[in-house]
Amino acid sequence: MTEVGPNLTSLHHSDAVRKKGSIGRPNFYVETCIAGDDGRPMPANVPGELLLRGPMVTPGYWQNPDATLAAIRDGWFHSGDLARMDEDGYLYIVDRVKNMFISGGENVYPAEVERVLLEHPAVSEAAVIGVPDEKWGEVGRAFVVLKPGGAIAETDLLEFCRSRLAKFKVPRAVVFLPALPKNDTGKINRQALRQA
């Protein structure tokens, strides 16, 4: 990320298989903390926000003191990334903080649900957001683009998810779209999905 430089972690090639999915360990000049909502460090393998500190962190946003105060607190840069650190000190990105939603008191990370949806051979693209629900607070709604010639019913795709995810993570509904809305950088525009 631009605010903290390009080389924050390293994963040695000898660990690539053993630590599959990891972004590696922090480089020698990078301090990291996986913090809970209260700012305290989380135990191994429990997701929290990735905080970064060191000489590579920006001193702030140009002529934007409010954004600087929101991002840099007590010397730590708040990345907005949900991550976990295993017992060996290897980092894994889970999702973005703003994408997570809470369903029935349980944290749901859309990236995990999206990975499962993308395992289905008919699915080309997928995005999941939390939507209000009277009973559970929020539930997942999946937006799916099928591959050319691909076909699957909503009920079958939800059953596919049930076989691979905990019940509270399974989306309540699937909306099939010809394409997912994207922003100028090509990332999925989740705000546009929420407005839809």
C-alpha atoms as a PDB file:
ATOM      1  CA  MET A   1       0.000   0.000   0.000  1.00  0.00           C
ATOM      2  CA  THR A   2       1.190   3.472  -0.814  1.00  0.00           C
ATOM      3  CA  GLU A   3       1.090   4.760   2.768  1.00  0.00           C
ATOM      4  CA  VAL A   4       3.639   2.260   4.054  1.00  0.00           C
ATOM      5  CA  GLY A   5       5.807   1.392   1.074  1.00  0.00           C
ATOM      6  CA  PRO A   6       5.814  -1.633  -1.192  1.00  0.00           C
ATOM      7  CA  ASN A   7       7.916  -4.209   0.698  1.00  0.00           C
ATOM      8  CA  LEU A   8       6.392  -4.970   4.081  1.00  0.00           C
ATOM      9  CA  THR A   9       6.580  -8.755   4.220  1.00  0.00           C
ATOM     10  CA  SER A  10       8.569 -11.572   2.697  1.00  0.00           C
ATOM     11  CA  LEU A  11       7.760 -15.242   2.187  1.00  0.00           C
ATOM     12  CA  HIS A  12      10.852 -17.351   1.547  1.00  0.00           C
ATOM     13  CA  HIS A  13      10.408 -19.811  -1.310  1.00  0.00           C
ATOM     14  CA  SER A  14      11.103 -22.725   1.048  1.00  0.00           C
ATOM     15  CA  ASP A  15       7.933 -21.784   2.975  1.00  0.00           C
ATOM     16  CA  ALA A  16       5.687 -21.329  -0.066  1.00  0.00           C
ATOM     17  CA  VAL A  17       4.025 -24.738   0.261  1.00  0.00           C
ATOM     18  CA  ARG A  18       4.175 -25.102   4.050  1.00  0.00           C
ATOM     19  CA  LYS A  19       2.632 -21.642   4.573  1.00  0.00           C
ATOM     20  CA  LYS A  20       0.336 -21.593   1.535  1.00  0.00           C
ATOM     21  CA  GLY A  21      -1.776 -18.422   1.454  1.00  0.00           C
ATOM     22  CA  SER A  22       0.562 -16.437   3.695  1.00  0.00           C
ATOM     23  CA  ILE A  23       2.035 -13.069   2.741  1.00  0.00           C
ATOM     24  CA  GLY A  24       5.073 -14.028   4.834  1.00  0.00           C
ATOM     25  CA  ARG A  25       6.681 -12.467   7.869  1.00  0.00           C
ATOM     26  CA  PRO A  26       7.233  -8.757   8.426  1.00  0.00           C
ATOM     27  CA  ASN A  27      10.512  -7.421   7.044  1.00  0.00           C
ATOM     28  CA  PHE A  28      13.142  -6.444   9.624  1.00  0.00           C
ATOM     29  CA  TYR A  29      12.187  -2.735   9.718  1.00  0.00           C
ATOM     30  CA  VAL A  30       8.412  -3.336   9.957  1.00  0.00           C
ATOM     31  CA  GLU A  31       6.546  -3.668  13.238  1.00  0.00           C
ATOM     32  CA  THR A  32       3.138  -5.326  13.026  1.00  0.00           C
ATOM     33  CA  CYS A  33       0.231  -5.867  15.350  1.00  0.00           C
ATOM     34  CA  ILE A  34      -3.006  -7.749  14.744  1.00  0.00           C
ATOM     35  CA  ALA A  35      -5.408  -5.712  16.863  1.00  0.00           C
ATOM     36  CA  GLY A  36      -8.962  -6.267  18.025  1.00  0.00           C
ATOM     37  CA  ASP A  37     -11.616  -3.555  18.101  1.00  0.00           C
ATOM     38  CA  ASP A  38     -10.278  -2.464  21.492  1.00  0.00           C
ATOM     39  CA  GLY A  39      -6.760  -2.009  20.091  1.00  0.00           C
ATOM     40  CA  ARG A  40      -5.279  -4.921  22.012  1.00  0.00           C
ATOM     41  CA  PRO A  41      -3.191  -7.585  20.226  1.00  0.00           C
ATOM     42  CA  MET A  42      -5.098 -10.678  19.150  1.00  0.00           C
ATOM     43  CA  PRO A  43      -3.848 -14.202  19.915  1.00  0.00           C
ATOM     44  CA  ALA A  44      -2.375 -16.399  17.183  1.00  0.00           C
ATOM     45  CA  ASN A  45      -4.756 -17.263  14.342  1.00  0.00           C
ATOM     46  CA  VAL A  46      -7.493 -14.849  15.477  1.00  0.00           C
ATOM     47  CA  PRO A  47      -8.310 -12.162  12.882  1.00  0.00           C
ATOM     48  CA  GLY A  48      -7.959  -8.481  13.669  1.00  0.00           C
ATOM     49  CA  GLU A  49      -6.924  -5.305  11.907  1.00  0.00           C
ATOM     50  CA  LEU A  50      -3.353  -5.243  10.614  1.00  0.00           C
ATOM     51  CA  LEU A  51      -1.487  -2.308  12.181  1.00  0.00           C
ATOM     52  CA  LEU A  52       1.933  -1.251  10.907  1.00  0.00           C
ATOM     53  CA  ARG A  53       4.704   0.890  12.358  1.00  0.00           C
ATOM     54  CA  GLY A  54       8.211   1.810  11.249  1.00  0.00           C
ATOM     55  CA  PRO A  55      10.292   4.277   9.245  1.00  0.00           C
ATOM     56  CA  MET A  56       8.413   3.469   6.038  1.00  0.00           C
ATOM     57  CA  VAL A  57       5.029   4.800   7.265  1.00  0.00           C
ATOM     58  CA  THR A  58       3.870   8.055   5.716  1.00  0.00           C
ATOM     59  CA  PRO A  59       3.899  11.078   8.034  1.00  0.00           C
ATOM     60  CA  GLY A  60       0.317  11.743   6.895  1.00  0.00           C
ATOM     61  CA  TYR A  61      -2.022  12.605   4.059  1.00  0.00           C
ATOM     62  CA  TRP A  62      -1.235  15.796   2.164  1.00  0.00           C
ATOM     63  CA  GLN A  63      -3.324  18.671   3.520  1.00  0.00           C
ATOM     64  CA  ASN A  64      -5.803  16.234   5.103  1.00  0.00           C
ATOM     65  CA  PRO A  65      -5.285  16.161   8.885  1.00  0.00           C
ATOM     66  CA  ASP A  66      -8.613  14.383   9.504  1.00  0.00           C
ATOM     67  CA  ALA A  67      -7.637  11.441   7.297  1.00  0.00           C
ATOM     68  CA  THR A  68      -4.206  11.362   8.957  1.00  0.00           C
ATOM     69  CA  LEU A  69      -5.757  11.202  12.440  1.00  0.00           C
ATOM     70  CA  ALA A  70      -8.120   8.438  11.325  1.00  0.00           C
ATOM     71  CA  ALA A  71      -5.326   6.318   9.821  1.00  0.00           C
ATOM     72  CA  ILE A  72      -2.401   6.907  12.196  1.00  0.00           C
ATOM     73  CA  ARG A  73      -3.113   6.510  15.903  1.00  0.00           C
ATOM     74  CA  ASP A  74      -0.533   6.121  18.667  1.00  0.00           C
ATOM     75  CA  GLY A  75       2.157   5.739  16.014  1.00  0.00           C
ATOM     76  CA  TRP A  76       0.408   2.805  14.313  1.00  0.00           C
ATOM     77  CA  PHE A  77      -0.918   2.943  10.753  1.00  0.00           C
ATOM     78  CA  HIS A  78      -4.337   1.263  10.590  1.00  0.00           C
ATOM     79  CA  SER A  79      -4.328  -0.598   7.284  1.00  0.00           C
ATOM     80  CA  GLY A  80      -8.020  -1.468   7.068  1.00  0.00           C
ATOM     81  CA  ASP A  81      -6.993  -5.068   6.335  1.00  0.00           C
ATOM     82  CA  LEU A  82      -8.236  -7.955   8.435  1.00  0.00           C
ATOM     83  CA  ALA A  83      -5.376 -10.338   8.980  1.00  0.00           C
ATOM     84  CA  ARG A  84      -4.239 -13.121  11.262  1.00  0.00           C
ATOM     85  CA  MET A  85      -0.786 -14.157  12.382  1.00  0.00           C
ATOM     86  CA  ASP A  86      -0.042 -17.818  12.977  1.00  0.00           C
ATOM     87  CA  GLU A  87       2.006 -19.222  15.850  1.00  0.00           C
ATOM     88  CA  ASP A  88       5.180 -18.964  13.720  1.00  0.00           C
ATOM     89  CA  GLY A  89       4.703 -15.250  12.951  1.00  0.00           C
ATOM     90  CA  TYR A  90       3.410 -15.651   9.368  1.00  0.00           C
ATOM     91  CA  LEU A  91       0.718 -13.214   8.251  1.00  0.00           C
ATOM     92  CA  TYR A  92      -2.453 -14.063   6.304  1.00  0.00           C
ATOM     93  CA  ILE A  93      -4.840 -11.471   4.865  1.00  0.00           C
ATOM     94  CA  VAL A  94      -8.455 -12.403   5.642  1.00  0.00           C
ATOM     95  CA  ASP A  95     -10.435  -9.520   4.105  1.00  0.00           C
ATOM     96  CA  ARG A  96     -10.963  -5.771   4.388  1.00  0.00           C
ATOM     97  CA  VAL A  97     -12.338  -4.483   7.708  1.00  0.00           C
ATOM     98  CA  LYS A  98     -15.159  -2.616   5.972  1.00  0.00           C
ATOM     99  CA  ASN A  99     -16.285  -5.764   4.100  1.00  0.00           C
ATOM    100  CA  MET A 100     -16.829  -7.901   7.219  1.00  0.00           C
ATOM    101  CA  PHE A 101     -20.378  -8.126   8.562  1.00  0.00           C
ATOM    102  CA  ILE A 102     -21.877  -9.684  11.667  1.00  0.00           C
ATOM    103  CA  SER A 103     -24.643 -12.261  11.351  1.00  0.00           C
ATOM    104  CA  GLY A 104     -26.210 -13.520  14.557  1.00  0.00           C
ATOM    105  CA  GLY A 105     -23.184 -12.384  16.536  1.00  0.00           C
ATOM    106  CA  GLU A 106     -20.695 -14.156  14.227  1.00  0.00           C
ATOM    107  CA  ASN A 107     -18.143 -12.400  12.017  1.00  0.00           C
ATOM    108  CA  VAL A 108     -18.539 -13.202   8.334  1.00  0.00           C
ATOM    109  CA  TYR A 109     -15.642 -12.455   5.992  1.00  0.00           C
ATOM    110  CA  PRO A 110     -16.956 -12.072   2.423  1.00  0.00           C
ATOM    111  CA  ALA A 111     -13.627 -13.100   0.878  1.00  0.00           C
ATOM    112  CA  GLU A 112     -14.003 -16.581   2.391  1.00  0.00           C
ATOM    113  CA  VAL A 113     -17.535 -16.976   1.005  1.00  0.00           C
ATOM    114  CA  GLU A 114     -16.469 -15.613  -2.380  1.00  0.00           C
ATOM    115  CA  ARG A 115     -13.642 -18.176  -2.601  1.00  0.00           C
ATOM    116  CA  VAL A 116     -16.180 -20.955  -2.085  1.00  0.00           C
ATOM    117  CA  LEU A 117     -18.538 -19.542  -4.724  1.00  0.00           C
ATOM    118  CA  LEU A 118     -15.641 -19.331  -7.191  1.00  0.00           C
ATOM    119  CA  GLU A 119     -14.918 -23.038  -6.650  1.00  0.00           C
ATOM    120  CA  HIS A 120     -18.147 -23.871  -8.478  1.00  0.00           C
ATOM    121  CA  PRO A 121     -17.385 -24.630 -12.138  1.00  0.00           C
ATOM    122  CA  ALA A 122     -20.255 -22.454 -13.414  1.00  0.00           C
ATOM    123  CA  VAL A 123     -19.184 -19.296 -11.532  1.00  0.00           C
ATOM    124  CA  SER A 124     -16.936 -16.697 -13.146  1.00  0.00           C
ATOM    125  CA  GLU A 125     -17.105 -13.864 -10.594  1.00  0.00           C
ATOM    126  CA  ALA A 126     -18.612 -13.434  -7.139  1.00  0.00           C
ATOM    127  CA  ALA A 127     -19.044 -10.729  -4.531  1.00  0.00           C
ATOM    128  CA  VAL A 128     -20.751 -10.959  -1.145  1.00  0.00           C
ATOM    129  CA  ILE A 129     -22.071  -8.126   1.007  1.00  0.00           C
ATOM    130  CA  GLY A 130     -23.970  -7.987   4.275  1.00  0.00           C
ATOM    131  CA  VAL A 131     -27.574  -6.805   4.079  1.00  0.00           C
ATOM    132  CA  PRO A 132     -29.948  -6.010   6.951  1.00  0.00           C
ATOM    133  CA  ASP A 133     -31.951  -8.880   8.416  1.00  0.00           C
ATOM    134  CA  GLU A 134     -34.614  -8.589  11.119  1.00  0.00           C
ATOM    135  CA  LYS A 135     -33.610 -11.777  12.933  1.00  0.00           C
ATOM    136  CA  TRP A 136     -29.809 -11.988  12.467  1.00  0.00           C
ATOM    137  CA  GLY A 137     -28.839  -8.311  12.154  1.00  0.00           C
ATOM    138  CA  GLU A 138     -27.185  -8.942   8.798  1.00  0.00           C
ATOM    139  CA  VAL A 139     -27.021 -11.826   6.336  1.00  0.00           C
ATOM    140  CA  GLY A 140     -25.010 -12.364   3.190  1.00  0.00           C
ATOM    141  CA  ARG A 141     -26.209 -11.592  -0.291  1.00  0.00           C
ATOM    142  CA  ALA A 142     -24.109 -13.016  -3.105  1.00  0.00           C
ATOM    143  CA  PHE A 143     -23.804 -11.407  -6.515  1.00  0.00           C
ATOM    144  CA  VAL A 144     -22.661 -13.929  -9.109  1.00  0.00           C
ATOM    145  CA  VAL A 145     -21.606 -13.803 -12.744  1.00  0.00           C
ATOM    146  CA  LEU A 146     -21.777 -17.147 -14.533  1.00  0.00           C
ATOM    147  CA  LYS A 147     -19.246 -18.347 -17.073  1.00  0.00           C
ATOM    148  CA  PRO A 148     -20.380 -18.343 -20.708  1.00  0.00           C
ATOM    149  CA  GLY A 149     -22.656 -21.348 -21.091  1.00  0.00           C
ATOM    150  CA  GLY A 150     -22.654 -21.877 -17.316  1.00  0.00           C
ATOM    151  CA  ALA A 151     -25.941 -22.516 -15.572  1.00  0.00           C
ATOM    152  CA  ILE A 152     -26.951 -23.222 -11.983  1.00  0.00           C
ATOM    153  CA  ALA A 153     -30.063 -22.517  -9.957  1.00  0.00           C
ATOM    154  CA  GLU A 154     -29.870 -20.323  -6.865  1.00  0.00           C
ATOM    155  CA  THR A 155     -30.947 -23.222  -4.627  1.00  0.00           C
ATOM    156  CA  ASP A 156     -28.197 -25.478  -6.021  1.00  0.00           C
ATOM    157  CA  LEU A 157     -25.517 -22.820  -5.553  1.00  0.00           C
ATOM    158  CA  LEU A 158     -26.630 -22.232  -1.956  1.00  0.00           C
ATOM    159  CA  GLU A 159     -26.515 -25.984  -1.326  1.00  0.00           C
ATOM    160  CA  PHE A 160     -22.980 -25.997  -2.746  1.00  0.00           C
ATOM    161  CA  CYS A 161     -22.087 -23.305  -0.170  1.00  0.00           C
ATOM    162  CA  ARG A 162     -23.771 -25.247   2.663  1.00  0.00           C
ATOM    163  CA  SER A 163     -21.544 -28.218   1.954  1.00  0.00           C
ATOM    164  CA  ARG A 164     -18.409 -26.079   2.406  1.00  0.00           C
ATOM    165  CA  LEU A 165     -19.265 -23.315   4.895  1.00  0.00           C
ATOM    166  CA  ALA A 166     -20.663 -22.939   8.393  1.00  0.00           C
ATOM    167  CA  LYS A 167     -24.397 -22.238   8.285  1.00  0.00           C
ATOM    168  CA  PHE A 168     -24.074 -18.575   9.352  1.00  0.00           C
ATOM    169  CA  LYS A 169     -21.669 -17.895   6.454  1.00  0.00           C
ATOM    170  CA  VAL A 170     -23.957 -19.204   3.708  1.00  0.00           C
ATOM    171  CA  PRO A 171     -25.562 -16.306   1.795  1.00  0.00           C
ATOM    172  CA  ARG A 172     -29.301 -15.923   2.244  1.00  0.00           C
ATOM    173  CA  ALA A 173     -29.767 -15.087  -1.432  1.00  0.00           C
ATOM    174  CA  VAL A 174     -27.951 -15.080  -4.760  1.00  0.00           C
ATOM    175  CA  VAL A 175     -28.408 -12.392  -7.391  1.00  0.00           C
ATOM    176  CA  PHE A 176     -27.199 -13.335 -10.863  1.00  0.00           C
ATOM    177  CA  LEU A 177     -25.751 -10.444 -12.886  1.00  0.00           C
ATOM    178  CA  PRO A 178     -24.275 -10.191 -16.388  1.00  0.00           C
ATOM    179  CA  ALA A 179     -21.276  -8.351 -14.858  1.00  0.00           C
ATOM    180  CA  LEU A 180     -20.177  -7.052 -11.455  1.00  0.00           C
ATOM    181  CA  PRO A 181     -19.857  -3.278 -11.134  1.00  0.00           C
ATOM    182  CA  LYS A 182     -16.214  -2.192 -10.992  1.00  0.00           C
ATOM    183  CA  ASN A 183     -14.470   1.058 -10.124  1.00  0.00           C
ATOM    184  CA  ASP A 184     -11.811   2.807 -12.213  1.00  0.00           C
ATOM    185  CA  THR A 185      -9.054   0.539 -10.865  1.00  0.00           C
ATOM    186  CA  GLY A 186     -10.977  -2.623 -11.781  1.00  0.00           C
ATOM    187  CA  LYS A 187     -11.947  -3.545  -8.211  1.00  0.00           C
ATOM    188  CA  ILE A 188     -15.476  -4.678  -7.413  1.00  0.00           C
ATOM    189  CA  ASN A 189     -17.614  -1.671  -6.484  1.00  0.00           C
ATOM    190  CA  ARG A 190     -19.324  -2.965  -3.339  1.00  0.00           C
ATOM    191  CA  GLN A 191     -21.016   0.381  -2.757  1.00  0.00           C
ATOM    192  CA  ALA A 192     -22.800   0.033  -6.093  1.00  0.00           C
ATOM    193  CA  LEU A 193     -23.917  -3.488  -5.060  1.00  0.00           C
ATOM    194  CA  ARG A 194     -25.282  -2.099  -1.761  1.00  0.00           C
ATOM    195  CA  GLN A 195     -27.209   0.587  -3.632  1.00  0.00           C
ATOM    196  CA  ALA A 196     -28.648  -2.011  -5.998  1.00  0.00           C
END
